[in-house]
Amino acid sequence: MNFKRGDVVLADLGHTAKVRPAIVVSIPMADSQRNMAVLAPMTTEIRGGQCEVAFPKPRWLNEPSVINLLGIVGVDNAKILRVLGTFPADRMDAVDAGLARMLGL
């Protein structure tokens, strides 16, 4: 499957019955020894924390959601089921800033 950084994908994040939308935050083939990507999940559990990134609700989401940067996870590319769309560029800038702050970069 072809996907790139900033794509919104539907992925099995390894939680019981939790196939969910997430944003790809890693570059393609970040590690030549592993066929994996790093994703940040979308959640409807909006708490207003500093590690959440809000975005306009797309048509395909039933409820308002945020990107949960604390939930970043590495997943095998085979667990990425399909691409749903592209995350808005200005909100991707907010994801980058949030990750940099959270990771102390």
PDB file of N, CA and C in Angstrom:
ATOM      1  N   MET A   1       0.843  -1.177   0.000  1.00  0.00           N
ATOM      2  CA  MET A   1       0.000   0.000   0.000  1.00  0.00           C
ATOM      3  C   MET A   1       0.889   1.241   0.000  1.00  0.00           C
ATOM      4  N   ASN A   2       0.475   2.229  -0.732  1.00  0.00           N
ATOM      5  CA  ASN A   2       1.214   3.492  -0.779  1.00  0.00           C
ATOM      6  C   ASN A   2       0.583   4.510   0.154  1.00  0.00           C
ATOM      7  N   PHE A   3       1.374   5.023   1.064  1.00  0.00           N
ATOM      8  CA  PHE A   3       0.946   6.108   1.934  1.00  0.00           C
ATOM      9  C   PHE A   3       2.188   6.908   2.272  1.00  0.00           C
ATOM     10  N   LYS A   4       1.955   8.136   2.742  1.00  0.00           N
ATOM     11  CA  LYS A   4       3.082   9.016   3.052  1.00  0.00           C
ATOM     12  C   LYS A   4       2.781   9.809   4.309  1.00  0.00           C
ATOM     13  N   ARG A   5       3.800  10.490   4.793  1.00  0.00           N
ATOM     14  CA  ARG A   5       3.655  11.331   5.981  1.00  0.00           C
ATOM     15  C   ARG A   5       2.541  12.346   5.734  1.00  0.00           C
ATOM     16  N   GLY A   6       1.657  12.482   6.699  1.00  0.00           N
ATOM     17  CA  GLY A   6       0.529  13.406   6.560  1.00  0.00           C
ATOM     18  C   GLY A   6      -0.742  12.749   6.052  1.00  0.00           C
ATOM     19  N   ASP A   7      -0.663  11.492   5.615  1.00  0.00           N
ATOM     20  CA  ASP A   7      -1.871  10.791   5.193  1.00  0.00           C
ATOM     21  C   ASP A   7      -2.658  10.335   6.413  1.00  0.00           C
ATOM     22  N   VAL A   8      -3.971  10.370   6.293  1.00  0.00           N
ATOM     23  CA  VAL A   8      -4.848   9.795   7.304  1.00  0.00           C
ATOM     24  C   VAL A   8      -5.159   8.383   6.826  1.00  0.00           C
ATOM     25  N   VAL A   9      -4.899   7.409   7.691  1.00  0.00           N
ATOM     26  CA  VAL A   9      -5.081   6.007   7.330  1.00  0.00           C
ATOM     27  C   VAL A   9      -6.005   5.319   8.320  1.00  0.00           C
ATOM     28  N   LEU A  10      -6.589   4.209   7.900  1.00  0.00           N
ATOM     29  CA  LEU A  10      -7.326   3.336   8.787  1.00  0.00           C
ATOM     30  C   LEU A  10      -6.375   2.204   9.132  1.00  0.00           C
ATOM     31  N   ALA A  11      -6.125   1.982  10.429  1.00  0.00           N
ATOM     32  CA  ALA A  11      -5.104   1.027  10.836  1.00  0.00           C
ATOM     33  C   ALA A  11      -5.529   0.228  12.058  1.00  0.00           C
ATOM     34  N   ASP A  12      -5.008  -0.982  12.130  1.00  0.00           N
ATOM     35  CA  ASP A  12      -5.153  -1.822  13.316  1.00  0.00           C
ATOM     36  C   ASP A  12      -4.012  -1.457  14.249  1.00  0.00           C
ATOM     37  N   LEU A  13      -4.336  -0.772  15.332  1.00  0.00           N
ATOM     38  CA  LEU A  13      -3.305  -0.288  16.254  1.00  0.00           C
ATOM     39  C   LEU A  13      -2.973  -1.287  17.351  1.00  0.00           C
ATOM     40  N   GLY A  14      -3.504  -2.503  17.224  1.00  0.00           N
ATOM     41  CA  GLY A  14      -3.147  -3.556  18.164  1.00  0.00           C
ATOM     42  C   GLY A  14      -4.002  -3.624  19.410  1.00  0.00           C
ATOM     43  N   HIS A  15      -4.980  -2.749  19.532  1.00  0.00           N
ATOM     44  CA  HIS A  15      -5.891  -2.792  20.666  1.00  0.00           C
ATOM     45  C   HIS A  15      -7.080  -3.665  20.284  1.00  0.00           C
ATOM     46  N   THR A  16      -7.658  -4.345  21.227  1.00  0.00           N
ATOM     47  CA  THR A  16      -8.798  -5.209  20.953  1.00  0.00           C
ATOM     48  C   THR A  16      -9.907  -4.423  20.266  1.00  0.00           C
ATOM     49  N   ALA A  17     -10.298  -4.904  19.098  1.00  0.00           N
ATOM     50  CA  ALA A  17     -11.382  -4.300  18.316  1.00  0.00           C
ATOM     51  C   ALA A  17     -11.165  -2.809  18.085  1.00  0.00           C
ATOM     52  N   LYS A  18      -9.917  -2.391  17.855  1.00  0.00           N
ATOM     53  CA  LYS A  18      -9.628  -0.972  17.678  1.00  0.00           C
ATOM     54  C   LYS A  18      -8.953  -0.700  16.344  1.00  0.00           C
ATOM     55  N   VAL A  19      -9.690  -0.863  15.266  1.00  0.00           N
ATOM     56  CA  VAL A  19      -9.242  -0.366  13.980  1.00  0.00           C
ATOM     57  C   VAL A  19      -9.739   1.065  13.927  1.00  0.00           C
ATOM     58  N   ARG A  20      -8.828   1.997  13.748  1.00  0.00           N
ATOM     59  CA  ARG A  20      -9.220   3.393  13.841  1.00  0.00           C
ATOM     60  C   ARG A  20      -8.416   4.259  12.894  1.00  0.00           C
ATOM     61  N   PRO A  21      -8.910   5.478  12.627  1.00  0.00           N
ATOM     62  CA  PRO A  21      -8.141   6.407  11.823  1.00  0.00           C
ATOM     63  C   PRO A  21      -6.949   6.949  12.611  1.00  0.00           C
ATOM     64  N   ALA A  22      -5.872   7.181  11.887  1.00  0.00           N
ATOM     65  CA  ALA A  22      -4.650   7.726  12.482  1.00  0.00           C
ATOM     66  C   ALA A  22      -3.918   8.501  11.398  1.00  0.00           C
ATOM     67  N   ILE A  23      -3.010   9.343  11.810  1.00  0.00           N
ATOM     68  CA  ILE A  23      -2.210  10.111  10.865  1.00  0.00           C
ATOM     69  C   ILE A  23      -0.791   9.548  10.847  1.00  0.00           C
ATOM     70  N   VAL A  24      -0.230   9.434   9.653  1.00  0.00           N
ATOM     71  CA  VAL A  24       1.140   8.960   9.504  1.00  0.00           C
ATOM     72  C   VAL A  24       2.073  10.118   9.845  1.00  0.00           C
ATOM     73  N   VAL A  25       2.938   9.927  10.862  1.00  0.00           N
ATOM     74  CA  VAL A  25       3.860  10.985  11.269  1.00  0.00           C
ATOM     75  C   VAL A  25       5.310  10.659  10.908  1.00  0.00           C
ATOM     76  N   SER A  26       5.574   9.452  10.423  1.00  0.00           N
ATOM     77  CA  SER A  26       6.936   9.093  10.027  1.00  0.00           C
ATOM     78  C   SER A  26       7.111   9.265   8.525  1.00  0.00           C
ATOM     79  N   ILE A  27       8.366   9.322   8.115  1.00  0.00           N
ATOM     80  CA  ILE A  27       8.677   9.388   6.694  1.00  0.00           C
ATOM     81  C   ILE A  27       8.567   7.980   6.108  1.00  0.00           C
ATOM     82  N   PRO A  28       8.406   7.845   4.792  1.00  0.00           N
ATOM     83  CA  PRO A  28       8.368   6.509   4.198  1.00  0.00           C
ATOM     84  C   PRO A  28       9.675   5.765   4.446  1.00  0.00           C
ATOM     85  N   MET A  29       9.581   4.492   4.769  1.00  0.00           N
ATOM     86  CA  MET A  29      10.735   3.624   4.998  1.00  0.00           C
ATOM     87  C   MET A  29      11.740   4.271   5.953  1.00  0.00           C
ATOM     88  N   ALA A  30      11.250   4.697   7.105  1.00  0.00           N
ATOM     89  CA  ALA A  30      12.106   5.357   8.104  1.00  0.00           C
ATOM     90  C   ALA A  30      13.242   4.453   8.571  1.00  0.00           C
ATOM     91  N   ASP A  31      13.035   3.148   8.547  1.00  0.00           N
ATOM     92  CA  ASP A  31      14.046   2.174   8.963  1.00  0.00           C
ATOM     93  C   ASP A  31      14.111   1.085   7.898  1.00  0.00           C
ATOM     94  N   SER A  32      15.251   0.942   7.256  1.00  0.00           N
ATOM     95  CA  SER A  32      15.371  -0.026   6.157  1.00  0.00           C
ATOM     96  C   SER A  32      15.256  -1.465   6.636  1.00  0.00           C
ATOM     97  N   GLN A  33      15.384  -1.712   7.929  1.00  0.00           N
ATOM     98  CA  GLN A  33      15.304  -3.072   8.468  1.00  0.00           C
ATOM     99  C   GLN A  33      13.898  -3.462   8.926  1.00  0.00           C
ATOM    100  N   ARG A  34      12.994  -2.496   8.969  1.00  0.00           N
ATOM    101  CA  ARG A  34      11.632  -2.772   9.444  1.00  0.00           C
ATOM    102  C   ARG A  34      10.625  -2.134   8.498  1.00  0.00           C
ATOM    103  N   ASN A  35       9.584  -2.869   8.191  1.00  0.00           N
ATOM    104  CA  ASN A  35       8.509  -2.387   7.331  1.00  0.00           C
ATOM    105  C   ASN A  35       7.406  -1.804   8.221  1.00  0.00           C
ATOM    106  N   MET A  36       7.732  -0.651   8.835  1.00  0.00           N
ATOM    107  CA  MET A  36       6.822  -0.056   9.817  1.00  0.00           C
ATOM    108  C   MET A  36       6.660   1.438   9.580  1.00  0.00           C
ATOM    109  N   ALA A  37       5.580   1.960  10.148  1.00  0.00           N
ATOM    110  CA  ALA A  37       5.316   3.402  10.135  1.00  0.00           C
ATOM    111  C   ALA A  37       4.956   3.825  11.550  1.00  0.00           C
ATOM    112  N   VAL A  38       5.127   5.112  11.846  1.00  0.00           N
ATOM    113  CA  VAL A  38       4.717   5.663  13.136  1.00  0.00           C
ATOM    114  C   VAL A  38       3.435   6.458  12.899  1.00  0.00           C
ATOM    115  N   LEU A  39       2.414   6.142  13.697  1.00  0.00           N
ATOM    116  CA  LEU A  39       1.104   6.760  13.554  1.00  0.00           C
ATOM    117  C   LEU A  39       0.709   7.458  14.846  1.00  0.00           C
ATOM    118  N   ALA A  40      -0.102   8.501  14.714  1.00  0.00           N
ATOM    119  CA  ALA A  40      -0.737   9.161  15.853  1.00  0.00           C
ATOM    120  C   ALA A  40      -2.243   8.975  15.673  1.00  0.00           C
ATOM    121  N   PRO A  41      -2.896   8.336  16.639  1.00  0.00           N
ATOM    122  CA  PRO A  41      -4.317   8.010  16.474  1.00  0.00           C
ATOM    123  C   PRO A  41      -5.238   9.210  16.646  1.00  0.00           C
ATOM    124  N   MET A  42      -6.385   9.104  15.999  1.00  0.00           N
ATOM    125  CA  MET A  42      -7.470  10.057  16.216  1.00  0.00           C
ATOM    126  C   MET A  42      -8.347   9.492  17.329  1.00  0.00           C
ATOM    127  N   THR A  43      -8.883  10.369  18.160  1.00  0.00           N
ATOM    128  CA  THR A  43      -9.764   9.939  19.237  1.00  0.00           C
ATOM    129  C   THR A  43     -10.904  10.926  19.417  1.00  0.00           C
ATOM    130  N   THR A  44     -12.038  10.405  19.869  1.00  0.00           N
ATOM    131  CA  THR A  44     -13.175  11.267  20.195  1.00  0.00           C
ATOM    132  C   THR A  44     -13.133  11.687  21.659  1.00  0.00           C
ATOM    133  N   GLU A  45     -12.175  11.147  22.426  1.00  0.00           N
ATOM    134  CA  GLU A  45     -12.017  11.520  23.839  1.00  0.00           C
ATOM    135  C   GLU A  45     -11.226  12.828  23.932  1.00  0.00           C
ATOM    136  N   ILE A  46     -11.915  13.923  23.745  1.00  0.00           N
ATOM    137  CA  ILE A  46     -11.291  15.246  23.722  1.00  0.00           C
ATOM    138  C   ILE A  46     -11.189  15.767  25.150  1.00  0.00           C
ATOM    139  N   ARG A  47      -9.948  15.993  25.601  1.00  0.00           N
ATOM    140  CA  ARG A  47      -9.717  16.434  26.974  1.00  0.00           C
ATOM    141  C   ARG A  47      -9.107  17.838  27.048  1.00  0.00           C
ATOM    142  N   GLY A  48      -8.736  18.395  25.904  1.00  0.00           N
ATOM    143  CA  GLY A  48      -8.176  19.738  25.892  1.00  0.00           C
ATOM    144  C   GLY A  48      -6.728  19.812  26.342  1.00  0.00           C
ATOM    145  N   GLY A  49      -6.008  18.709  26.256  1.00  0.00           N
ATOM    146  CA  GLY A  49      -4.612  18.678  26.688  1.00  0.00           C
ATOM    147  C   GLY A  49      -3.656  19.258  25.662  1.00  0.00           C
ATOM    148  N   GLN A  50      -2.428  19.508  26.096  1.00  0.00           N
ATOM    149  CA  GLN A  50      -1.404  20.090  25.226  1.00  0.00           C
ATOM    150  C   GLN A  50      -0.926  19.100  24.154  1.00  0.00           C
ATOM    151  N   CYS A  51      -1.223  17.827  24.319  1.00  0.00           N
ATOM    152  CA  CYS A  51      -0.783  16.814  23.355  1.00  0.00           C
ATOM    153  C   CYS A  51      -1.912  16.383  22.429  1.00  0.00           C
ATOM    154  N   GLU A  52      -2.930  17.237  22.301  1.00  0.00           N
ATOM    155  CA  GLU A  52      -4.015  17.008  21.358  1.00  0.00           C
ATOM    156  C   GLU A  52      -3.939  18.063  20.259  1.00  0.00           C
ATOM    157  N   VAL A  53      -4.225  17.640  19.048  1.00  0.00           N
ATOM    158  CA  VAL A  53      -4.271  18.570  17.918  1.00  0.00           C
ATOM    159  C   VAL A  53      -5.672  18.500  17.327  1.00  0.00           C
ATOM    160  N   ALA A  54      -6.373  19.614  17.390  1.00  0.00           N
ATOM    161  CA  ALA A  54      -7.723  19.700  16.829  1.00  0.00           C
ATOM    162  C   ALA A  54      -7.641  19.883  15.316  1.00  0.00           C
ATOM    163  N   PHE A  55      -8.716  19.504  14.641  1.00  0.00           N
ATOM    164  CA  PHE A  55      -8.796  19.661  13.184  1.00  0.00           C
ATOM    165  C   PHE A  55     -10.265  19.699  12.782  1.00  0.00           C
ATOM    166  N   PRO A  56     -10.560  20.275  11.608  1.00  0.00           N
ATOM    167  CA  PRO A  56     -11.952  20.308  11.141  1.00  0.00           C
ATOM    168  C   PRO A  56     -12.456  18.885  10.903  1.00  0.00           C
ATOM    169  N   LYS A  57     -13.687  18.590  11.334  1.00  0.00           N
ATOM    170  CA  LYS A  57     -14.260  17.253  11.190  1.00  0.00           C
ATOM    171  C   LYS A  57     -14.526  16.931   9.719  1.00  0.00           C
ATOM    172  N   PRO A  58     -13.861  15.882   9.196  1.00  0.00           N
ATOM    173  CA  PRO A  58     -14.156  15.469   7.819  1.00  0.00           C
ATOM    174  C   PRO A  58     -15.502  14.746   7.743  1.00  0.00           C
ATOM    175  N   ARG A  59     -16.040  14.630   6.537  1.00  0.00           N
ATOM    176  CA  ARG A  59     -17.338  13.979   6.327  1.00  0.00           C
ATOM    177  C   ARG A  59     -17.368  12.550   6.849  1.00  0.00           C
ATOM    178  N   TRP A  60     -16.252  11.840   6.737  1.00  0.00           N
ATOM    179  CA  TRP A  60     -16.240  10.414   7.065  1.00  0.00           C
ATOM    180  C   TRP A  60     -16.112  10.127   8.554  1.00  0.00           C
ATOM    181  N   LEU A  61     -15.944  11.146   9.393  1.00  0.00           N
ATOM    182  CA  LEU A  61     -15.940  10.937  10.845  1.00  0.00           C
ATOM    183  C   LEU A  61     -17.322  11.253  11.395  1.00  0.00           C
ATOM    184  N   ASN A  62     -17.801  10.399  12.286  1.00  0.00           N
ATOM    185  CA  ASN A  62     -19.127  10.606  12.879  1.00  0.00           C
ATOM    186  C   ASN A  62     -19.135  11.689  13.946  1.00  0.00           C
ATOM    187  N   GLU A  63     -18.022  11.838  14.664  1.00  0.00           N
ATOM    188  CA  GLU A  63     -17.956  12.781  15.778  1.00  0.00           C
ATOM    189  C   GLU A  63     -16.701  13.644  15.670  1.00  0.00           C
ATOM    190  N   PRO A  64     -16.713  14.824  16.296  1.00  0.00           N
ATOM    191  CA  PRO A  64     -15.477  15.610  16.361  1.00  0.00           C
ATOM    192  C   PRO A  64     -14.386  14.783  17.053  1.00  0.00           C
ATOM    193  N   SER A  65     -13.173  14.937  16.579  1.00  0.00           N
ATOM    194  CA  SER A  65     -12.040  14.169  17.104  1.00  0.00           C
ATOM    195  C   SER A  65     -10.807  15.050  17.166  1.00  0.00           C
ATOM    196  N   VAL A  66      -9.771  14.549  17.822  1.00  0.00           N
ATOM    197  CA  VAL A  66      -8.465  15.195  17.870  1.00  0.00           C
ATOM    198  C   VAL A  66      -7.403  14.150  17.588  1.00  0.00           C
ATOM    199  N   ILE A  67      -6.210  14.618  17.225  1.00  0.00           N
ATOM    200  CA  ILE A  67      -5.051  13.737  17.141  1.00  0.00           C
ATOM    201  C   ILE A  67      -4.470  13.646  18.549  1.00  0.00           C
ATOM    202  N   ASN A  68      -4.259  12.425  19.037  1.00  0.00           N
ATOM    203  CA  ASN A  68      -3.692  12.201  20.361  1.00  0.00           C
ATOM    204  C   ASN A  68      -2.205  11.892  20.206  1.00  0.00           C
ATOM    205  N   LEU A  69      -1.367  12.915  20.378  1.00  0.00           N
ATOM    206  CA  LEU A  69       0.076  12.737  20.192  1.00  0.00           C
ATOM    207  C   LEU A  69       0.678  11.790  21.233  1.00  0.00           C
ATOM    208  N   LEU A  70       0.076  11.682  22.402  1.00  0.00           N
ATOM    209  CA  LEU A  70       0.581  10.756  23.419  1.00  0.00           C
ATOM    210  C   LEU A  70       0.358   9.299  23.017  1.00  0.00           C
ATOM    211  N   GLY A  71      -0.490   9.084  22.023  1.00  0.00           N
ATOM    212  CA  GLY A  71      -0.790   7.723  21.575  1.00  0.00           C
ATOM    213  C   GLY A  71       0.058   7.254  20.405  1.00  0.00           C
ATOM    214  N   ILE A  72       1.144   7.975  20.070  1.00  0.00           N
ATOM    215  CA  ILE A  72       1.939   7.563  18.911  1.00  0.00           C
ATOM    216  C   ILE A  72       2.402   6.120  19.080  1.00  0.00           C
ATOM    217  N   VAL A  73       2.391   5.414  17.958  1.00  0.00           N
ATOM    218  CA  VAL A  73       2.691   3.991  17.980  1.00  0.00           C
ATOM    219  C   VAL A  73       3.331   3.575  16.659  1.00  0.00           C
ATOM    220  N   GLY A  74       4.267   2.655  16.741  1.00  0.00           N
ATOM    221  CA  GLY A  74       4.836   2.054  15.540  1.00  0.00           C
ATOM    222  C   GLY A  74       4.013   0.844  15.156  1.00  0.00           C
ATOM    223  N   VAL A  75       3.620   0.762  13.899  1.00  0.00           N
ATOM    224  CA  VAL A  75       2.832  -0.384  13.431  1.00  0.00           C
ATOM    225  C   VAL A  75       3.437  -0.944  12.154  1.00  0.00           C
ATOM    226  N   ASP A  76       3.267  -2.234  11.988  1.00  0.00           N
ATOM    227  CA  ASP A  76       3.665  -2.888  10.756  1.00  0.00           C
ATOM    228  C   ASP A  76       2.825  -2.315   9.620  1.00  0.00           C
ATOM    229  N   ASN A  77       3.443  -2.020   8.504  1.00  0.00           N
ATOM    230  CA  ASN A  77       2.709  -1.440   7.372  1.00  0.00           C
ATOM    231  C   ASN A  77       1.552  -2.332   6.921  1.00  0.00           C
ATOM    232  N   ALA A  78       1.636  -3.644   7.157  1.00  0.00           N
ATOM    233  CA  ALA A  78       0.560  -4.556   6.772  1.00  0.00           C
ATOM    234  C   ALA A  78      -0.717  -4.293   7.577  1.00  0.00           C
ATOM    235  N   LYS A  79      -0.593  -3.601   8.715  1.00  0.00           N
ATOM    236  CA  LYS A  79      -1.767  -3.302   9.546  1.00  0.00           C
ATOM    237  C   LYS A  79      -2.439  -1.991   9.153  1.00  0.00           C
ATOM    238  N   ILE A  80      -1.872  -1.322   8.150  1.00  0.00           N
ATOM    239  CA  ILE A  80      -2.508  -0.119   7.607  1.00  0.00           C
ATOM    240  C   ILE A  80      -3.422  -0.585   6.487  1.00  0.00           C
ATOM    241  N   LEU A  81      -4.725  -0.439   6.710  1.00  0.00           N
ATOM    242  CA  LEU A  81      -5.718  -1.036   5.822  1.00  0.00           C
ATOM    243  C   LEU A  81      -6.008  -0.215   4.577  1.00  0.00           C
ATOM    244  N   ARG A  82      -6.094   1.114   4.740  1.00  0.00           N
ATOM    245  CA  ARG A  82      -6.339   1.973   3.574  1.00  0.00           C
ATOM    246  C   ARG A  82      -6.097   3.430   3.937  1.00  0.00           C
ATOM    247  N   VAL A  83      -5.903   4.236   2.905  1.00  0.00           N
ATOM    248  CA  VAL A  83      -5.735   5.683   3.073  1.00  0.00           C
ATOM    249  C   VAL A  83      -7.119   6.320   2.991  1.00  0.00           C
ATOM    250  N   LEU A  84      -7.426   7.172   3.973  1.00  0.00           N
ATOM    251  CA  LEU A  84      -8.713   7.856   4.014  1.00  0.00           C
ATOM    252  C   LEU A  84      -8.644   9.255   3.422  1.00  0.00           C
ATOM    253  N   GLY A  85      -7.462   9.854   3.445  1.00  0.00           N
ATOM    254  CA  GLY A  85      -7.321  11.214   2.945  1.00  0.00           C
ATOM    255  C   GLY A  85      -5.996  11.795   3.374  1.00  0.00           C
ATOM    256  N   THR A  86      -5.867  13.106   3.234  1.00  0.00           N
ATOM    257  CA  THR A  86      -4.659  13.818   3.619  1.00  0.00           C
ATOM    258  C   THR A  86      -5.011  14.808   4.717  1.00  0.00           C
ATOM    259  N   PHE A  87      -4.192  14.850   5.767  1.00  0.00           N
ATOM    260  CA  PHE A  87      -4.411  15.760   6.874  1.00  0.00           C
ATOM    261  C   PHE A  87      -4.122  17.180   6.398  1.00  0.00           C
ATOM    262  N   PRO A  88      -4.916  18.182   6.829  1.00  0.00           N
ATOM    263  CA  PRO A  88      -4.678  19.564   6.388  1.00  0.00           C
ATOM    264  C   PRO A  88      -3.257  20.036   6.751  1.00  0.00           C
ATOM    265  N   ALA A  89      -2.599  20.715   5.820  1.00  0.00           N
ATOM    266  CA  ALA A  89      -1.203  21.135   5.997  1.00  0.00           C
ATOM    267  C   ALA A  89      -1.005  22.008   7.238  1.00  0.00           C
ATOM    268  N   ASP A  90      -1.927  22.940   7.503  1.00  0.00           N
ATOM    269  CA  ASP A  90      -1.752  23.800   8.670  1.00  0.00           C
ATOM    270  C   ASP A  90      -1.887  23.006   9.970  1.00  0.00           C
ATOM    271  N   ARG A  91      -2.698  21.981   9.974  1.00  0.00           N
ATOM    272  CA  ARG A  91      -2.848  21.134  11.155  1.00  0.00           C
ATOM    273  C   ARG A  91      -1.659  20.179  11.281  1.00  0.00           C
ATOM    274  N   MET A  92      -1.040  19.810  10.142  1.00  0.00           N
ATOM    275  CA  MET A  92       0.176  18.994  10.196  1.00  0.00           C
ATOM    276  C   MET A  92       1.300  19.794  10.835  1.00  0.00           C
ATOM    277  N   ASP A  93       1.343  21.101  10.579  1.00  0.00           N
ATOM    278  CA  ASP A  93       2.317  21.972  11.254  1.00  0.00           C
ATOM    279  C   ASP A  93       2.100  21.927  12.766  1.00  0.00           C
ATOM    280  N   ALA A  94       0.836  21.895  13.201  1.00  0.00           N
ATOM    281  CA  ALA A  94       0.526  21.816  14.631  1.00  0.00           C
ATOM    282  C   ALA A  94       0.946  20.457  15.200  1.00  0.00           C
ATOM    283  N   VAL A  95       0.796  19.391  14.414  1.00  0.00           N
ATOM    284  CA  VAL A  95       1.265  18.062  14.834  1.00  0.00           C
ATOM    285  C   VAL A  95       2.772  18.099  15.025  1.00  0.00           C
ATOM    286  N   ASP A  96       3.497  18.659  14.045  1.00  0.00           N
ATOM    287  CA  ASP A  96       4.958  18.750  14.139  1.00  0.00           C
ATOM    288  C   ASP A  96       5.389  19.527  15.380  1.00  0.00           C
ATOM    289  N   ALA A  97       4.740  20.672  15.625  1.00  0.00           N
ATOM    290  CA  ALA A  97       5.083  21.492  16.786  1.00  0.00           C
ATOM    291  C   ALA A  97       4.769  20.751  18.084  1.00  0.00           C
ATOM    292  N   GLY A  98       3.652  20.055  18.115  1.00  0.00           N
ATOM    293  CA  GLY A  98       3.276  19.297  19.304  1.00  0.00           C
ATOM    294  C   GLY A  98       4.241  18.159  19.585  1.00  0.00           C
ATOM    295  N   LEU A  99       4.653  17.433  18.532  1.00  0.00           N
ATOM    296  CA  LEU A  99       5.615  16.347  18.714  1.00  0.00           C
ATOM    297  C   LEU A  99       6.957  16.890  19.192  1.00  0.00           C
ATOM    298  N   ALA A 100       7.409  18.006  18.601  1.00  0.00           N
ATOM    299  CA  ALA A 100       8.678  18.599  19.002  1.00  0.00           C
ATOM    300  C   ALA A 100       8.645  19.023  20.471  1.00  0.00           C
ATOM    301  N   ARG A 101       7.544  19.639  20.891  1.00  0.00           N
ATOM    302  CA  ARG A 101       7.415  20.059  22.289  1.00  0.00           C
ATOM    303  C   ARG A 101       7.371  18.848  23.208  1.00  0.00           C
ATOM    304  N   MET A 102       6.557  17.865  22.852  1.00  0.00           N
ATOM    305  CA  MET A 102       6.376  16.699  23.703  1.00  0.00           C
ATOM    306  C   MET A 102       7.665  15.883  23.857  1.00  0.00           C
ATOM    307  N   LEU A 103       8.451  15.803  22.767  1.00  0.00           N
ATOM    308  CA  LEU A 103       9.662  15.006  22.780  1.00  0.00           C
ATOM    309  C   LEU A 103      10.908  15.824  23.140  1.00  0.00           C
ATOM    310  N   GLY A 104      10.730  17.118  23.365  1.00  0.00           N
ATOM    311  CA  GLY A 104      11.844  17.979  23.747  1.00  0.00           C
ATOM    312  C   GLY A 104      12.847  18.189  22.636  1.00  0.00           C
ATOM    313  N   LEU A 105      12.372  18.274  21.401  1.00  0.00           N
ATOM    314  CA  LEU A 105      13.252  18.448  20.239  1.00  0.00           C
ATOM    315  C   LEU A 105      13.451  19.908  19.872  1.00  0.00           C
TER     316      LEU A 105
END
